[in-house]
Amino acid sequence: MMDSKKKNKKRKNWKERFWIALFDDRTFEEKWRIRFTRIGAVMTITFLTLFIVGSTISIIAFTRLKEFIPGYPDAYTRENILRNVVRLDSLEYELELRDRYFQNINAIVSGREPIERVPEPDTTADYTSISFITSIEDSLLRAQVEQEDQYNLSVAMKEVSPFAGLSGIHLFPPVRGVVTSSFNRDSRHFGIDVVPGRPGELVSAVMDGVVVFTGWTMETGYVIHLQHNNNLLSIYKHNAALLKETGDVVRSGDAISAIGDSGEIYTSGPHLHFELWLNGEPVDPEKYILF
């Protein structure tokens, strides 16, 4: 009985009503009053506390006030962090390309197969929505390549004797056009300059091989080197863009770059500077290729 009386008394205490009133000190006129219970006062105080805390957190989280918190980076610091992350990623990629280049050179010198580069899939892009629609330009290019391959004797050549020399090899012309500057060993012009008949021509590989170098220099712009059988090396300079990467295996007649005038010193317009090196010695390409 005593416990039930105490519980009822506590319930009544929570439901007891209270008044808070404000009176004029001179006239004792009531100006304002509020009526509440204990449980109502507790709930009101709890709600106001949660509202104030939530509002404060939201203001700090979604405004620049958070930058005044000790230890929190400002906008300039965050921008530098993101820029350094991008630079670090680019540096790692360049180091990977350099290591792969040296590994390919070592493999070729040792007589082993070069390391093939398997590109990693880009997980940041959605390729499911790509629509493969053949354009007019693509159809014209495909017809041009197929027509040229009809007379490409290198397609049927599976293997060439390493002692046959250039006389027993058919070399595909890298580009068809006018030779504006011929091979001259005395003036150290170890190749030829070819101006294409049409702008925007694609540069083709002269023979089956492996891409052993791709890069850019101030003198010759975008450059690509191909290593072939018989210790033959072909070099293509002043390209507008490179279509292959170091380590790629190419077939004779494959498009490897686009004609351009890149480089700031040895160029005076869109053309291809083409070189052939056999056993470490430069040879005249016009003696073996009809341009």
Protein backbone atom coordinates (compact mmCIF):
# COMPACT_ATOMS: atom_id res chain seq x y z
CA MET A 1 0.00 0.00 0.00
CA MET A 2 2.80 2.38 0.86
CA ASP A 3 4.58 1.77 -2.48
CA SER A 4 1.44 2.43 -4.49
CA LYS A 5 0.86 5.65 -2.57
CA LYS A 6 4.39 6.81 -3.28
CA LYS A 7 4.03 6.06 -7.01
CA ASN A 8 0.73 7.92 -7.21
CA LYS A 9 2.29 10.84 -5.38
CA LYS A 10 5.21 10.97 -7.83
CA ARG A 11 2.82 10.90 -10.78
CA LYS A 12 0.87 13.75 -9.31
CA ASN A 13 4.07 15.71 -8.74
CA TRP A 14 4.96 15.41 -12.48
CA LYS A 15 1.50 16.60 -13.45
CA GLU A 16 1.30 19.49 -10.98
CA ARG A 17 0.75 22.82 -12.68
CA PHE A 18 2.87 25.89 -12.07
CA TRP A 19 2.59 29.50 -13.03
CA ILE A 20 5.25 32.02 -13.91
CA ALA A 21 3.96 35.57 -14.05
CA LEU A 22 5.46 39.02 -14.60
CA PHE A 23 3.97 42.05 -12.78
CA ASP A 24 4.48 45.79 -13.05
CA ASP A 25 6.49 46.86 -10.00
CA ARG A 26 4.43 50.03 -9.47
CA THR A 27 0.91 49.01 -10.38
CA PHE A 28 1.18 45.27 -9.73
CA GLU A 29 -0.54 44.77 -13.07
CA GLU A 30 0.08 41.34 -14.58
CA LYS A 31 1.99 41.74 -17.85
CA TRP A 32 2.78 38.14 -18.86
CA ARG A 33 2.30 34.67 -17.51
CA ILE A 34 2.91 31.08 -18.53
CA ARG A 35 1.46 27.86 -17.21
CA PHE A 36 3.38 24.58 -17.34
CA THR A 37 3.88 21.22 -15.69
CA ARG A 38 7.12 19.58 -14.68
CA ILE A 39 7.00 17.06 -17.51
CA GLY A 40 6.17 19.82 -20.02
CA ALA A 41 9.09 21.93 -18.81
CA VAL A 42 11.49 18.98 -19.13
CA MET A 43 10.30 18.20 -22.67
CA THR A 44 10.52 21.87 -23.72
CA ILE A 45 14.06 22.23 -22.37
CA THR A 46 15.09 18.96 -24.07
CA PHE A 47 13.65 20.07 -27.42
CA LEU A 48 15.33 23.49 -27.23
CA THR A 49 18.66 21.89 -26.32
CA LEU A 50 18.49 19.46 -29.25
CA PHE A 51 17.46 22.27 -31.59
CA ILE A 52 20.35 24.50 -30.53
CA VAL A 53 22.89 21.67 -30.77
CA GLY A 54 21.61 20.56 -34.20
CA SER A 55 21.57 24.11 -35.54
CA THR A 56 25.12 24.72 -34.31
CA ILE A 57 26.44 21.53 -35.91
CA SER A 58 24.67 22.31 -39.21
CA ILE A 59 26.02 25.85 -39.35
CA ILE A 60 29.57 24.66 -38.69
CA ALA A 61 29.36 21.72 -41.10
CA PHE A 62 27.84 23.55 -44.09
CA THR A 63 29.47 26.98 -43.80
CA ARG A 64 33.04 28.26 -43.73
CA LEU A 65 32.89 28.59 -39.95
CA LYS A 66 34.48 25.13 -39.73
CA GLU A 67 37.72 26.65 -41.01
CA PHE A 68 38.06 28.49 -37.69
CA ILE A 69 38.26 25.20 -35.83
CA PRO A 70 41.89 24.62 -34.76
CA GLY A 71 43.48 21.95 -36.95
CA TYR A 72 40.87 22.06 -39.73
CA PRO A 73 42.44 22.89 -43.16
CA ASP A 74 41.22 25.96 -45.01
CA ALA A 75 40.20 26.05 -48.68
CA TYR A 76 43.74 26.88 -49.87
CA THR A 77 45.24 23.97 -47.94
CA ARG A 78 42.63 21.52 -49.25
CA GLU A 79 43.28 22.70 -52.82
CA ASN A 80 47.02 22.11 -52.36
CA ILE A 81 46.33 18.63 -50.96
CA LEU A 82 44.22 17.69 -54.00
CA ARG A 83 46.81 19.15 -56.39
CA ASN A 84 49.60 17.17 -54.70
CA VAL A 85 47.54 13.97 -54.91
CA VAL A 86 47.07 14.47 -58.67
CA ARG A 87 50.78 15.22 -59.13
CA LEU A 88 51.75 12.15 -57.12
CA ASP A 89 49.48 9.96 -59.23
CA SER A 90 50.97 11.40 -62.44
CA LEU A 91 54.49 10.86 -61.09
CA GLU A 92 53.75 7.24 -60.26
CA TYR A 93 52.37 6.72 -63.79
CA GLU A 94 55.47 8.29 -65.38
CA LEU A 95 57.76 6.12 -63.24
CA GLU A 96 55.77 3.06 -64.29
CA LEU A 97 56.17 3.99 -67.96
CA ARG A 98 59.91 4.55 -67.50
CA ASP A 99 60.39 1.19 -65.76
CA ARG A 100 58.40 -0.57 -68.49
CA TYR A 101 60.48 1.13 -71.17
CA PHE A 102 63.77 -0.09 -69.62
CA GLN A 103 62.31 -3.56 -69.15
CA ASN A 104 61.34 -3.67 -72.84
CA ILE A 105 64.80 -2.52 -73.92
CA ASN A 106 66.42 -5.16 -71.68
CA ALA A 107 64.09 -7.85 -73.05
CA ILE A 108 64.79 -6.90 -76.69
CA VAL A 109 68.57 -6.80 -76.14
CA SER A 110 68.41 -10.18 -74.38
CA GLY A 111 66.39 -11.70 -77.24
CA ARG A 112 63.24 -12.16 -75.17
CA GLU A 113 59.70 -11.04 -75.87
CA PRO A 114 58.92 -7.52 -74.63
CA ILE A 115 56.49 -7.04 -71.82
CA GLU A 116 53.01 -6.37 -73.10
CA ARG A 117 51.10 -3.60 -71.40
CA VAL A 118 47.59 -4.55 -70.33
CA PRO A 119 45.60 -1.36 -69.70
CA GLU A 120 43.63 -1.28 -66.49
CA PRO A 121 39.89 -0.58 -66.84
CA ASP A 122 38.71 2.90 -65.93
CA THR A 123 36.26 2.41 -63.10
CA THR A 124 35.30 6.10 -63.01
CA ALA A 125 33.51 6.05 -66.37
CA ASP A 126 30.30 4.37 -67.42
CA TYR A 127 30.69 2.66 -70.78
CA THR A 128 27.27 0.99 -70.85
CA SER A 129 25.62 3.99 -72.48
CA ILE A 130 28.09 4.24 -75.39
CA SER A 131 26.43 3.84 -78.77
CA PHE A 132 28.75 2.51 -81.49
CA ILE A 133 27.45 4.21 -84.62
CA THR A 134 29.60 4.10 -87.75
CA SER A 135 30.28 7.58 -89.08
CA ILE A 136 31.00 8.59 -92.67
CA GLU A 137 34.61 9.45 -91.80
CA ASP A 138 35.10 6.04 -90.17
CA SER A 139 33.71 4.24 -93.24
CA LEU A 140 35.99 6.22 -95.59
CA LEU A 141 39.05 5.52 -93.44
CA ARG A 142 38.20 1.82 -93.21
CA ALA A 143 37.79 1.60 -97.00
CA GLN A 144 41.12 3.39 -97.53
CA VAL A 145 43.00 1.06 -95.16
CA GLU A 146 41.43 -2.06 -96.70
CA GLN A 147 42.36 -0.86 -100.20
CA GLU A 148 45.97 -0.24 -99.19
CA ASP A 149 46.20 -3.64 -97.45
CA GLN A 150 45.36 -5.38 -100.75
CA TYR A 151 48.88 -4.57 -101.91
CA ASN A 152 50.58 -5.08 -98.55
CA LEU A 153 52.98 -7.99 -98.97
CA SER A 154 54.09 -7.82 -95.33
CA VAL A 155 50.78 -9.26 -94.11
CA ALA A 156 51.70 -12.68 -95.47
CA MET A 157 55.25 -12.56 -94.07
CA LYS A 158 55.35 -14.47 -90.81
CA GLU A 159 59.09 -14.49 -90.15
CA VAL A 160 62.14 -12.99 -91.87
CA SER A 161 65.62 -14.38 -91.57
CA PRO A 162 67.79 -12.14 -89.39
CA PHE A 163 70.54 -12.33 -92.04
CA ALA A 164 68.41 -11.41 -95.03
CA GLY A 165 69.06 -7.65 -94.80
CA LEU A 166 66.79 -4.94 -96.14
CA SER A 167 66.92 -6.35 -99.66
CA GLY A 168 64.65 -9.24 -98.65
CA ILE A 169 62.12 -7.17 -96.69
CA HIS A 170 59.07 -5.30 -97.95
CA LEU A 171 58.65 -2.01 -96.08
CA PHE A 172 55.24 -0.36 -95.99
CA PRO A 173 55.38 3.41 -96.70
CA PRO A 174 54.70 5.31 -93.47
CA VAL A 175 52.92 8.04 -95.41
CA ARG A 176 52.46 8.89 -99.09
CA GLY A 177 53.49 12.35 -100.20
CA VAL A 178 56.37 14.51 -101.45
CA VAL A 179 59.89 14.17 -100.06
CA THR A 180 60.98 17.74 -99.30
CA SER A 181 64.29 16.95 -97.61
CA SER A 182 66.37 13.89 -98.46
CA PHE A 183 68.78 11.77 -96.43
CA ASN A 184 72.18 13.43 -95.98
CA ARG A 185 74.78 11.87 -93.69
CA ASP A 186 77.24 14.76 -94.08
CA SER A 187 74.76 17.34 -92.73
CA ARG A 188 73.65 14.85 -90.05
CA HIS A 189 70.15 14.66 -91.51
CA PHE A 190 69.70 10.94 -90.90
CA GLY A 191 66.21 10.70 -92.37
CA ILE A 192 63.81 12.23 -94.84
CA ASP A 193 61.02 14.79 -94.52
CA VAL A 194 57.74 13.83 -96.21
CA VAL A 195 54.84 16.25 -96.73
CA PRO A 196 51.57 14.30 -97.12
CA GLY A 197 49.27 14.82 -100.06
CA ARG A 198 46.33 15.49 -97.74
CA PRO A 199 46.26 17.12 -94.30
CA GLY A 200 45.47 14.92 -91.33
CA GLU A 201 47.10 11.79 -92.78
CA LEU A 202 47.81 8.88 -90.45
CA VAL A 203 51.35 7.51 -90.10
CA SER A 204 51.68 3.74 -90.60
CA ALA A 205 54.20 1.25 -89.26
CA VAL A 206 56.67 0.22 -91.99
CA MET A 207 56.92 -3.34 -90.66
CA ASP A 208 55.81 -5.64 -87.86
CA GLY A 209 57.44 -4.59 -84.62
CA VAL A 210 57.23 -3.37 -81.06
CA VAL A 211 56.93 0.19 -79.77
CA VAL A 212 60.07 0.77 -77.69
CA PHE A 213 59.74 4.52 -77.12
CA THR A 214 57.05 7.21 -77.12
CA GLY A 215 57.67 10.74 -75.94
CA TRP A 216 57.92 14.46 -76.66
CA THR A 217 60.95 16.70 -77.12
CA MET A 218 61.25 20.41 -77.75
CA GLU A 219 63.17 19.84 -80.99
CA THR A 220 61.15 17.05 -82.63
CA GLY A 221 57.76 17.13 -80.86
CA TYR A 222 55.93 13.82 -80.47
CA VAL A 223 58.23 10.91 -81.35
CA ILE A 224 57.66 7.15 -81.63
CA HIS A 225 60.28 4.40 -82.14
CA LEU A 226 59.54 0.90 -83.48
CA GLN A 227 61.89 -2.05 -83.12
CA HIS A 228 61.68 -4.64 -85.93
CA ASN A 229 63.39 -7.90 -86.86
CA ASN A 230 66.89 -7.87 -88.41
CA ASN A 231 67.94 -5.26 -85.83
CA LEU A 232 65.98 -2.63 -87.76
CA LEU A 233 64.69 0.49 -86.00
CA SER A 234 62.23 2.99 -87.50
CA ILE A 235 61.73 6.49 -86.06
CA TYR A 236 58.80 8.87 -86.69
CA LYS A 237 59.04 12.53 -85.55
CA HIS A 238 56.94 15.74 -85.50
CA ASN A 239 53.66 13.87 -84.97
CA ALA A 240 50.49 15.67 -83.92
CA ALA A 241 49.39 12.76 -81.71
CA LEU A 242 50.57 9.25 -80.87
CA LEU A 243 48.16 6.33 -81.25
CA LYS A 244 50.36 3.66 -79.63
CA GLU A 245 52.15 3.31 -76.30
CA THR A 246 55.45 1.79 -75.27
CA GLY A 247 55.24 -1.99 -75.33
CA ASP A 248 52.46 -2.22 -77.93
CA VAL A 249 52.91 -4.81 -80.69
CA VAL A 250 52.07 -3.45 -84.16
CA ARG A 251 51.64 -4.98 -87.60
CA SER A 252 52.89 -3.60 -90.88
CA GLY A 253 50.56 -0.82 -92.04
CA ASP A 254 48.99 -0.21 -88.62
CA ALA A 255 48.28 3.45 -87.83
CA ILE A 256 50.67 4.58 -85.07
CA SER A 257 50.38 8.39 -85.12
CA ALA A 258 48.97 11.41 -86.94
CA ILE A 259 50.88 13.85 -89.16
CA GLY A 260 51.65 17.16 -87.45
CA ASP A 261 54.22 19.88 -86.90
CA SER A 262 54.94 19.45 -83.20
CA GLY A 263 58.27 20.67 -81.91
CA GLU A 264 59.60 24.19 -81.63
CA ILE A 265 62.91 24.03 -83.54
CA TYR A 266 63.14 21.59 -86.47
CA THR A 267 59.73 22.08 -88.05
CA SER A 268 58.23 24.48 -90.57
CA GLY A 269 54.83 22.91 -91.23
CA PRO A 270 52.95 19.61 -91.09
CA HIS A 271 55.28 16.82 -92.21
CA LEU A 272 56.84 13.54 -91.11
CA HIS A 273 60.52 13.16 -90.35
CA PHE A 274 61.24 9.46 -90.91
CA GLU A 275 64.44 7.56 -90.14
CA LEU A 276 65.63 3.96 -90.63
CA TRP A 277 68.51 2.51 -88.60
CA LEU A 278 70.01 -0.89 -89.40
CA ASN A 279 72.51 -2.42 -86.96
CA GLY A 280 72.98 0.99 -85.35
CA GLU A 281 73.70 2.77 -88.65
CA PRO A 282 71.31 5.19 -90.46
CA VAL A 283 70.17 4.19 -93.97
CA ASP A 284 68.43 6.15 -96.72
CA PRO A 285 64.70 5.26 -96.61
CA GLU A 286 64.19 6.30 -100.26
CA LYS A 287 66.33 3.35 -101.40
CA TYR A 288 63.86 0.84 -99.90
CA ILE A 289 60.47 2.60 -99.77
CA LEU A 290 58.49 4.25 -102.55
CA PHE A 291 56.84 7.39 -101.19
